[in-house]
Amino acid sequence: MDGLNAQEQRELQGRMEKKQMKEFMTMYSRLVQRCFDDCVNDFTTKSLQSKEEGCVMKCVDKYLKGSERLGQRFQEQNAAMMQSGQLPGR
């Protein structure tokens, strides 16, 4: 970003923020859909039954922990590649 003027930096920052928000919303949507499909079975009441609520909580926790671990591994691999002088895609 050093070679960009202030206007270009703001534009790039805005694009990056939009992309991050889109990725977050995609992840959130997948999480909701997956946990709903896996846990919600009874449509005779408006609210979740305690069994369904427990299932949703476990599902969300597992999904978030998995995503966090995946992010950590990605950072570890990226750092290792940078240290060894390898660049992704080469």
PDB file of N, CA and C in Angstrom:
ATOM      1  N   MET A   1       0.810  -1.193   0.000  1.00  0.00           N
ATOM      2  CA  MET A   1       0.000   0.000   0.000  1.00  0.00           C
ATOM      3  C   MET A   1       0.853   1.255   0.000  1.00  0.00           C
ATOM      4  N   ASP A   2       2.156   1.094   0.115  1.00  0.00           N
ATOM      5  CA  ASP A   2       3.044   2.252   0.155  1.00  0.00           C
ATOM      6  C   ASP A   2       3.029   3.040  -1.143  1.00  0.00           C
ATOM      7  N   GLY A   3       2.834   2.372  -2.282  1.00  0.00           N
ATOM      8  CA  GLY A   3       2.868   3.035  -3.570  1.00  0.00           C
ATOM      9  C   GLY A   3       1.552   3.704  -3.942  1.00  0.00           C
ATOM     10  N   LEU A   4       0.581   3.703  -3.047  1.00  0.00           N
ATOM     11  CA  LEU A   4      -0.735   4.267  -3.347  1.00  0.00           C
ATOM     12  C   LEU A   4      -0.893   5.631  -2.691  1.00  0.00           C
ATOM     13  N   ASN A   5      -1.624   6.519  -3.373  1.00  0.00           N
ATOM     14  CA  ASN A   5      -1.914   7.809  -2.747  1.00  0.00           C
ATOM     15  C   ASN A   5      -3.044   7.624  -1.730  1.00  0.00           C
ATOM     16  N   ALA A   6      -3.384   8.673  -1.007  1.00  0.00           N
ATOM     17  CA  ALA A   6      -4.375   8.580   0.076  1.00  0.00           C
ATOM     18  C   ALA A   6      -5.736   8.119  -0.432  1.00  0.00           C
ATOM     19  N   GLN A   7      -6.169   8.629  -1.572  1.00  0.00           N
ATOM     20  CA  GLN A   7      -7.463   8.243  -2.136  1.00  0.00           C
ATOM     21  C   GLN A   7      -7.474   6.756  -2.491  1.00  0.00           C
ATOM     22  N   GLU A   8      -6.404   6.294  -3.122  1.00  0.00           N
ATOM     23  CA  GLU A   8      -6.313   4.880  -3.503  1.00  0.00           C
ATOM     24  C   GLU A   8      -6.263   3.983  -2.277  1.00  0.00           C
ATOM     25  N   GLN A   9      -5.566   4.443  -1.235  1.00  0.00           N
ATOM     26  CA  GLN A   9      -5.515   3.663   0.005  1.00  0.00           C
ATOM     27  C   GLN A   9      -6.897   3.541   0.637  1.00  0.00           C
ATOM     28  N   ARG A  10      -7.659   4.645   0.652  1.00  0.00           N
ATOM     29  CA  ARG A  10      -9.022   4.592   1.206  1.00  0.00           C
ATOM     30  C   ARG A  10      -9.907   3.663   0.385  1.00  0.00           C
ATOM     31  N   GLU A  11      -9.769   3.727  -0.933  1.00  0.00           N
ATOM     32  CA  GLU A  11     -10.564   2.862  -1.799  1.00  0.00           C
ATOM     33  C   GLU A  11     -10.215   1.392  -1.576  1.00  0.00           C
ATOM     34  N   LEU A  12      -8.927   1.114  -1.487  1.00  0.00           N
ATOM     35  CA  LEU A  12      -8.485  -0.263  -1.240  1.00  0.00           C
ATOM     36  C   LEU A  12      -8.974  -0.745   0.124  1.00  0.00           C
ATOM     37  N   GLN A  13      -8.873   0.113   1.126  1.00  0.00           N
ATOM     38  CA  GLN A  13      -9.333  -0.237   2.474  1.00  0.00           C
ATOM     39  C   GLN A  13     -10.830  -0.544   2.454  1.00  0.00           C
ATOM     40  N   GLY A  14     -11.592   0.271   1.740  1.00  0.00           N
ATOM     41  CA  GLY A  14     -13.037   0.044   1.633  1.00  0.00           C
ATOM     42  C   GLY A  14     -13.351  -1.282   0.970  1.00  0.00           C
ATOM     43  N   ARG A  15     -12.635  -1.591  -0.083  1.00  0.00           N
ATOM     44  CA  ARG A  15     -12.840  -2.873  -0.776  1.00  0.00           C
ATOM     45  C   ARG A  15     -12.494  -4.048   0.137  1.00  0.00           C
ATOM     46  N   MET A  16     -11.405  -3.909   0.883  1.00  0.00           N
ATOM     47  CA  MET A  16     -10.997  -4.984   1.791  1.00  0.00           C
ATOM     48  C   MET A  16     -12.039  -5.184   2.885  1.00  0.00           C
ATOM     49  N   GLU A  17     -12.582  -4.095   3.409  1.00  0.00           N
ATOM     50  CA  GLU A  17     -13.613  -4.194   4.443  1.00  0.00           C
ATOM     51  C   GLU A  17     -14.874  -4.864   3.900  1.00  0.00           C
ATOM     52  N   LYS A  18     -15.268  -4.509   2.673  1.00  0.00           N
ATOM     53  CA  LYS A  18     -16.441  -5.144   2.053  1.00  0.00           C
ATOM     54  C   LYS A  18     -16.208  -6.636   1.857  1.00  0.00           C
ATOM     55  N   LYS A  19     -15.010  -6.993   1.408  1.00  0.00           N
ATOM     56  CA  LYS A  19     -14.690  -8.407   1.195  1.00  0.00           C
ATOM     57  C   LYS A  19     -14.719  -9.170   2.519  1.00  0.00           C
ATOM     58  N   GLN A  20     -14.145  -8.586   3.561  1.00  0.00           N
ATOM     59  CA  GLN A  20     -14.162  -9.231   4.872  1.00  0.00           C
ATOM     60  C   GLN A  20     -15.588  -9.408   5.386  1.00  0.00           C
ATOM     61  N   MET A  21     -16.432  -8.395   5.186  1.00  0.00           N
ATOM     62  CA  MET A  21     -17.817  -8.495   5.634  1.00  0.00           C
ATOM     63  C   MET A  21     -18.542  -9.587   4.855  1.00  0.00           C
ATOM     64  N   LYS A  22     -18.302  -9.655   3.552  1.00  0.00           N
ATOM     65  CA  LYS A  22     -18.944 -10.692   2.732  1.00  0.00           C
ATOM     66  C   LYS A  22     -18.500 -12.080   3.196  1.00  0.00           C
ATOM     67  N   GLU A  23     -17.199 -12.245   3.474  1.00  0.00           N
ATOM     68  CA  GLU A  23     -16.700 -13.537   3.942  1.00  0.00           C
ATOM     69  C   GLU A  23     -17.295 -13.892   5.294  1.00  0.00           C
ATOM     70  N   PHE A  24     -17.414 -12.896   6.183  1.00  0.00           N
ATOM     71  CA  PHE A  24     -18.018 -13.135   7.490  1.00  0.00           C
ATOM     72  C   PHE A  24     -19.471 -13.565   7.341  1.00  0.00           C
ATOM     73  N   MET A  25     -20.215 -12.865   6.494  1.00  0.00           N
ATOM     74  CA  MET A  25     -21.630 -13.193   6.307  1.00  0.00           C
ATOM     75  C   MET A  25     -21.801 -14.575   5.673  1.00  0.00           C
ATOM     76  N   THR A  26     -20.906 -14.942   4.775  1.00  0.00           N
ATOM     77  CA  THR A  26     -20.954 -16.275   4.174  1.00  0.00           C
ATOM     78  C   THR A  26     -20.703 -17.337   5.236  1.00  0.00           C
ATOM     79  N   MET A  27     -19.695 -17.114   6.084  1.00  0.00           N
ATOM     80  CA  MET A  27     -19.403 -18.069   7.149  1.00  0.00           C
ATOM     81  C   MET A  27     -20.584 -18.170   8.116  1.00  0.00           C
ATOM     82  N   TYR A  28     -21.148 -17.036   8.484  1.00  0.00           N
ATOM     83  CA  TYR A  28     -22.291 -17.012   9.398  1.00  0.00           C
ATOM     84  C   TYR A  28     -23.480 -17.762   8.793  1.00  0.00           C
ATOM     85  N   SER A  29     -23.736 -17.527   7.526  1.00  0.00           N
ATOM     86  CA  SER A  29     -24.844 -18.198   6.845  1.00  0.00           C
ATOM     87  C   SER A  29     -24.646 -19.712   6.825  1.00  0.00           C
ATOM     88  N   ARG A  30     -23.433 -20.145   6.540  1.00  0.00           N
ATOM     89  CA  ARG A  30     -23.146 -21.592   6.551  1.00  0.00           C
ATOM     90  C   ARG A  30     -23.330 -22.180   7.940  1.00  0.00           C
ATOM     91  N   LEU A  31     -22.881 -21.451   8.936  1.00  0.00           N
ATOM     92  CA  LEU A  31     -23.014 -21.907  10.321  1.00  0.00           C
ATOM     93  C   LEU A  31     -24.483 -22.066  10.689  1.00  0.00           C
ATOM     94  N   VAL A  32     -25.277 -21.062  10.408  1.00  0.00           N
ATOM     95  CA  VAL A  32     -26.705 -21.108  10.729  1.00  0.00           C
ATOM     96  C   VAL A  32     -27.379 -22.271  10.003  1.00  0.00           C
ATOM     97  N   GLN A  33     -27.106 -22.395   8.722  1.00  0.00           N
ATOM     98  CA  GLN A  33     -27.743 -23.453   7.938  1.00  0.00           C
ATOM     99  C   GLN A  33     -27.353 -24.834   8.436  1.00  0.00           C
ATOM    100  N   ARG A  34     -26.067 -25.011   8.685  1.00  0.00           N
ATOM    101  CA  ARG A  34     -25.602 -26.327   9.125  1.00  0.00           C
ATOM    102  C   ARG A  34     -26.194 -26.713  10.478  1.00  0.00           C
ATOM    103  N   CYS A  35     -26.119 -25.791  11.432  1.00  0.00           N
ATOM    104  CA  CYS A  35     -26.628 -26.115  12.767  1.00  0.00           C
ATOM    105  C   CYS A  35     -28.146 -26.273  12.761  1.00  0.00           C
ATOM    106  N   PHE A  36     -28.833 -25.479  11.966  1.00  0.00           N
ATOM    107  CA  PHE A  36     -30.284 -25.642  11.852  1.00  0.00           C
ATOM    108  C   PHE A  36     -30.625 -27.007  11.280  1.00  0.00           C
ATOM    109  N   ASP A  37     -29.967 -27.371  10.194  1.00  0.00           N
ATOM    110  CA  ASP A  37     -30.238 -28.665   9.553  1.00  0.00           C
ATOM    111  C   ASP A  37     -29.934 -29.831  10.489  1.00  0.00           C
ATOM    112  N   ASP A  38     -28.848 -29.713  11.259  1.00  0.00           N
ATOM    113  CA  ASP A  38     -28.436 -30.801  12.138  1.00  0.00           C
ATOM    114  C   ASP A  38     -29.269 -30.899  13.416  1.00  0.00           C
ATOM    115  N   CYS A  39     -29.781 -29.768  13.890  1.00  0.00           N
ATOM    116  CA  CYS A  39     -30.352 -29.754  15.245  1.00  0.00           C
ATOM    117  C   CYS A  39     -31.863 -29.540  15.345  1.00  0.00           C
ATOM    118  N   VAL A  40     -32.433 -28.841  14.421  1.00  0.00           N
ATOM    119  CA  VAL A  40     -33.845 -28.489  14.558  1.00  0.00           C
ATOM    120  C   VAL A  40     -34.702 -29.499  13.803  1.00  0.00           C
ATOM    121  N   ASN A  41     -35.530 -30.202  14.574  1.00  0.00           N
ATOM    122  CA  ASN A  41     -36.340 -31.268  13.998  1.00  0.00           C
ATOM    123  C   ASN A  41     -37.827 -31.106  14.258  1.00  0.00           C
ATOM    124  N   ASP A  42     -38.169 -30.369  15.307  1.00  0.00           N
ATOM    125  CA  ASP A  42     -39.573 -30.256  15.711  1.00  0.00           C
ATOM    126  C   ASP A  42     -40.101 -28.872  15.343  1.00  0.00           C
ATOM    127  N   PHE A  43     -41.067 -28.848  14.440  1.00  0.00           N
ATOM    128  CA  PHE A  43     -41.626 -27.583  13.989  1.00  0.00           C
ATOM    129  C   PHE A  43     -43.031 -27.348  14.536  1.00  0.00           C
ATOM    130  N   THR A  44     -43.353 -28.038  15.645  1.00  0.00           N
ATOM    131  CA  THR A  44     -44.687 -27.892  16.225  1.00  0.00           C
ATOM    132  C   THR A  44     -44.754 -26.732  17.215  1.00  0.00           C
ATOM    133  N   THR A  45     -43.618 -26.167  17.585  1.00  0.00           N
ATOM    134  CA  THR A  45     -43.597 -25.016  18.497  1.00  0.00           C
ATOM    135  C   THR A  45     -42.753 -23.903  17.886  1.00  0.00           C
ATOM    136  N   LYS A  46     -42.967 -22.684  18.404  1.00  0.00           N
ATOM    137  CA  LYS A  46     -42.211 -21.537  17.907  1.00  0.00           C
ATOM    138  C   LYS A  46     -40.778 -21.518  18.429  1.00  0.00           C
ATOM    139  N   SER A  47     -40.570 -22.017  19.621  1.00  0.00           N
ATOM    140  CA  SER A  47     -39.244 -21.948  20.242  1.00  0.00           C
ATOM    141  C   SER A  47     -38.545 -23.309  20.173  1.00  0.00           C
ATOM    142  N   LEU A  48     -37.244 -23.252  20.365  1.00  0.00           N
ATOM    143  CA  LEU A  48     -36.448 -24.479  20.355  1.00  0.00           C
ATOM    144  C   LEU A  48     -36.714 -25.285  21.614  1.00  0.00           C
ATOM    145  N   GLN A  49     -36.719 -26.583  21.491  1.00  0.00           N
ATOM    146  CA  GLN A  49     -36.779 -27.442  22.662  1.00  0.00           C
ATOM    147  C   GLN A  49     -35.390 -27.450  23.291  1.00  0.00           C
ATOM    148  N   SER A  50     -35.305 -27.822  24.544  1.00  0.00           N
ATOM    149  CA  SER A  50     -34.012 -27.785  25.243  1.00  0.00           C
ATOM    150  C   SER A  50     -32.984 -28.683  24.546  1.00  0.00           C
ATOM    151  N   LYS A  51     -33.420 -29.814  24.036  1.00  0.00           N
ATOM    152  CA  LYS A  51     -32.518 -30.719  23.317  1.00  0.00           C
ATOM    153  C   LYS A  51     -31.966 -30.044  22.056  1.00  0.00           C
ATOM    154  N   GLU A  52     -32.844 -29.364  21.331  1.00  0.00           N
ATOM    155  CA  GLU A  52     -32.420 -28.670  20.116  1.00  0.00           C
ATOM    156  C   GLU A  52     -31.487 -27.511  20.458  1.00  0.00           C
ATOM    157  N   GLU A  53     -31.811 -26.774  21.509  1.00  0.00           N
ATOM    158  CA  GLU A  53     -30.981 -25.642  21.909  1.00  0.00           C
ATOM    159  C   GLU A  53     -29.581 -26.109  22.312  1.00  0.00           C
ATOM    160  N   GLY A  54     -29.508 -27.208  23.051  1.00  0.00           N
ATOM    161  CA  GLY A  54     -28.209 -27.772  23.432  1.00  0.00           C
ATOM    162  C   GLY A  54     -27.415 -28.203  22.207  1.00  0.00           C
ATOM    163  N   CYS A  55     -28.097 -28.799  21.264  1.00  0.00           N
ATOM    164  CA  CYS A  55     -27.456 -29.239  20.026  1.00  0.00           C
ATOM    165  C   CYS A  55     -26.905 -28.041  19.259  1.00  0.00           C
ATOM    166  N   VAL A  56     -27.700 -26.969  19.159  1.00  0.00           N
ATOM    167  CA  VAL A  56     -27.267 -25.762  18.448  1.00  0.00           C
ATOM    168  C   VAL A  56     -26.032 -25.170  19.128  1.00  0.00           C
ATOM    169  N   MET A  57     -26.048 -25.101  20.446  1.00  0.00           N
ATOM    170  CA  MET A  57     -24.903 -24.534  21.175  1.00  0.00           C
ATOM    171  C   MET A  57     -23.635 -25.348  20.924  1.00  0.00           C
ATOM    172  N   LYS A  58     -23.752 -26.654  20.962  1.00  0.00           N
ATOM    173  CA  LYS A  58     -22.596 -27.519  20.691  1.00  0.00           C
ATOM    174  C   LYS A  58     -22.129 -27.368  19.250  1.00  0.00           C
ATOM    175  N   CYS A  59     -23.075 -27.286  18.341  1.00  0.00           N
ATOM    176  CA  CYS A  59     -22.760 -27.151  16.918  1.00  0.00           C
ATOM    177  C   CYS A  59     -21.995 -25.849  16.657  1.00  0.00           C
ATOM    178  N   VAL A  60     -22.498 -24.755  17.199  1.00  0.00           N
ATOM    179  CA  VAL A  60     -21.844 -23.456  17.018  1.00  0.00           C
ATOM    180  C   VAL A  60     -20.444 -23.480  17.625  1.00  0.00           C
ATOM    181  N   ASP A  61     -20.329 -24.017  18.827  1.00  0.00           N
ATOM    182  CA  ASP A  61     -19.034 -24.084  19.501  1.00  0.00           C
ATOM    183  C   ASP A  61     -18.034 -24.893  18.676  1.00  0.00           C
ATOM    184  N   LYS A  62     -18.467 -26.026  18.201  1.00  0.00           N
ATOM    185  CA  LYS A  62     -17.593 -26.897  17.405  1.00  0.00           C
ATOM    186  C   LYS A  62     -17.183 -26.210  16.098  1.00  0.00           C
ATOM    187  N   TYR A  63     -18.124 -25.570  15.434  1.00  0.00           N
ATOM    188  CA  TYR A  63     -17.853 -24.883  14.166  1.00  0.00           C
ATOM    189  C   TYR A  63     -16.844 -23.759  14.376  1.00  0.00           C
ATOM    190  N   LEU A  64     -17.062 -22.943  15.422  1.00  0.00           N
ATOM    191  CA  LEU A  64     -16.160 -21.815  15.682  1.00  0.00           C
ATOM    192  C   LEU A  64     -14.766 -22.283  16.083  1.00  0.00           C
ATOM    193  N   LYS A  65     -14.694 -23.322  16.894  1.00  0.00           N
ATOM    194  CA  LYS A  65     -13.387 -23.861  17.274  1.00  0.00           C
ATOM    195  C   LYS A  65     -12.656 -24.428  16.058  1.00  0.00           C
ATOM    196  N   GLY A  66     -13.395 -25.097  15.198  1.00  0.00           N
ATOM    197  CA  GLY A  66     -12.798 -25.633  13.979  1.00  0.00           C
ATOM    198  C   GLY A  66     -12.293 -24.528  13.067  1.00  0.00           C
ATOM    199  N   SER A  67     -13.088 -23.468  12.921  1.00  0.00           N
ATOM    200  CA  SER A  67     -12.681 -22.333  12.094  1.00  0.00           C
ATOM    201  C   SER A  67     -11.453 -21.641  12.676  1.00  0.00           C
ATOM    202  N   GLU A  68     -11.425 -21.510  13.991  1.00  0.00           N
ATOM    203  CA  GLU A  68     -10.277 -20.883  14.660  1.00  0.00           C
ATOM    204  C   GLU A  68      -9.016 -21.722  14.439  1.00  0.00           C
ATOM    205  N   ARG A  69      -9.142 -23.016  14.594  1.00  0.00           N
ATOM    206  CA  ARG A  69      -7.989 -23.905  14.407  1.00  0.00           C
ATOM    207  C   ARG A  69      -7.501 -23.861  12.964  1.00  0.00           C
ATOM    208  N   LEU A  70      -8.426 -23.837  12.043  1.00  0.00           N
ATOM    209  CA  LEU A  70      -8.072 -23.753  10.625  1.00  0.00           C
ATOM    210  C   LEU A  70      -7.307 -22.455  10.345  1.00  0.00           C
ATOM    211  N   GLY A  71      -7.772 -21.353  10.911  1.00  0.00           N
ATOM    212  CA  GLY A  71      -7.085 -20.073  10.752  1.00  0.00           C
ATOM    213  C   GLY A  71      -5.686 -20.101  11.340  1.00  0.00           C
ATOM    214  N   GLN A  72      -5.538 -20.736  12.500  1.00  0.00           N
ATOM    215  CA  GLN A  72      -4.217 -20.856  13.123  1.00  0.00           C
ATOM    216  C   GLN A  72      -3.272 -21.664  12.249  1.00  0.00           C
ATOM    217  N   ARG A  73      -3.747 -22.773  11.741  1.00  0.00           N
ATOM    218  CA  ARG A  73      -2.906 -23.612  10.877  1.00  0.00           C
ATOM    219  C   ARG A  73      -2.506 -22.855   9.612  1.00  0.00           C
ATOM    220  N   PHE A  74      -3.432 -22.097   9.047  1.00  0.00           N
ATOM    221  CA  PHE A  74      -3.137 -21.312   7.863  1.00  0.00           C
ATOM    222  C   PHE A  74      -2.031 -20.305   8.177  1.00  0.00           C
ATOM    223  N   GLN A  75      -2.126 -19.627   9.316  1.00  0.00           N
ATOM    224  CA  GLN A  75      -1.103 -18.659   9.709  1.00  0.00           C
ATOM    225  C   GLN A  75       0.241 -19.338   9.935  1.00  0.00           C
ATOM    226  N   GLU A  76       0.227 -20.505  10.573  1.00  0.00           N
ATOM    227  CA  GLU A  76       1.471 -21.247  10.810  1.00  0.00           C
ATOM    228  C   GLU A  76       2.129 -21.632   9.492  1.00  0.00           C
ATOM    229  N   GLN A  77       1.337 -22.145   8.570  1.00  0.00           N
ATOM    230  CA  GLN A  77       1.878 -22.557   7.272  1.00  0.00           C
ATOM    231  C   GLN A  77       2.383 -21.356   6.484  1.00  0.00           C
ATOM    232  N   ASN A  78       1.645 -20.260   6.537  1.00  0.00           N
ATOM    233  CA  ASN A  78       2.047 -19.053   5.837  1.00  0.00           C
ATOM    234  C   ASN A  78       3.371 -18.526   6.406  1.00  0.00           C
ATOM    235  N   ALA A  79       3.504 -18.520   7.732  1.00  0.00           N
ATOM    236  CA  ALA A  79       4.737 -18.069   8.367  1.00  0.00           C
ATOM    237  C   ALA A  79       5.908 -18.973   7.992  1.00  0.00           C
ATOM    238  N   ALA A  80       5.673 -20.275   7.960  1.00  0.00           N
ATOM    239  CA  ALA A  80       6.728 -21.220   7.592  1.00  0.00           C
ATOM    240  C   ALA A  80       7.162 -21.005   6.145  1.00  0.00           C
ATOM    241  N   MET A  81       6.206 -20.758   5.270  1.00  0.00           N
ATOM    242  CA  MET A  81       6.536 -20.515   3.864  1.00  0.00           C
ATOM    243  C   MET A  81       7.322 -19.216   3.703  1.00  0.00           C
ATOM    244  N   MET A  82       6.947 -18.197   4.461  1.00  0.00           N
ATOM    245  CA  MET A  82       7.648 -16.920   4.374  1.00  0.00           C
ATOM    246  C   MET A  82       9.080 -17.066   4.898  1.00  0.00           C
ATOM    247  N   GLN A  83       9.256 -17.839   5.955  1.00  0.00           N
ATOM    248  CA  GLN A  83      10.588 -18.061   6.521  1.00  0.00           C
ATOM    249  C   GLN A  83      11.490 -18.813   5.561  1.00  0.00           C
ATOM    250  N   SER A  84      10.915 -19.762   4.859  1.00  0.00           N
ATOM    251  CA  SER A  84      11.722 -20.567   3.935  1.00  0.00           C
ATOM    252  C   SER A  84      11.911 -19.884   2.593  1.00  0.00           C
ATOM    253  N   GLY A  85      11.266 -18.727   2.427  1.00  0.00           N
ATOM    254  CA  GLY A  85      11.415 -17.988   1.184  1.00  0.00           C
ATOM    255  C   GLY A  85      10.471 -18.405   0.087  1.00  0.00           C
ATOM    256  N   GLN A  86       9.581 -19.344   0.379  1.00  0.00           N
ATOM    257  CA  GLN A  86       8.582 -19.773  -0.606  1.00  0.00           C
ATOM    258  C   GLN A  86       7.413 -18.817  -0.571  1.00  0.00           C
ATOM    259  N   LEU A  87       6.887 -18.501  -1.712  1.00  0.00           N
ATOM    260  CA  LEU A  87       5.703 -17.670  -1.796  1.00  0.00           C
ATOM    261  C   LEU A  87       4.551 -18.515  -2.328  1.00  0.00           C
ATOM    262  N   PRO A  88       3.351 -18.339  -1.781  1.00  0.00           N
ATOM    263  CA  PRO A  88       2.191 -19.094  -2.276  1.00  0.00           C
ATOM    264  C   PRO A  88       1.993 -18.865  -3.770  1.00  0.00           C
ATOM    265  N   GLY A  89       1.674 -19.929  -4.470  1.00  0.00           N
ATOM    266  CA  GLY A  89       1.380 -19.845  -5.894  1.00  0.00           C
ATOM    267  C   GLY A  89       2.597 -19.916  -6.789  1.00  0.00           C
ATOM    268  N   ARG A  90       3.755 -20.183  -6.233  1.00  0.00           N
ATOM    269  CA  ARG A  90       4.961 -20.274  -7.052  1.00  0.00           C
ATOM    270  C   ARG A  90       5.533 -21.646  -7.031  1.00  0.00           C
TER     271      ARG A  90
END
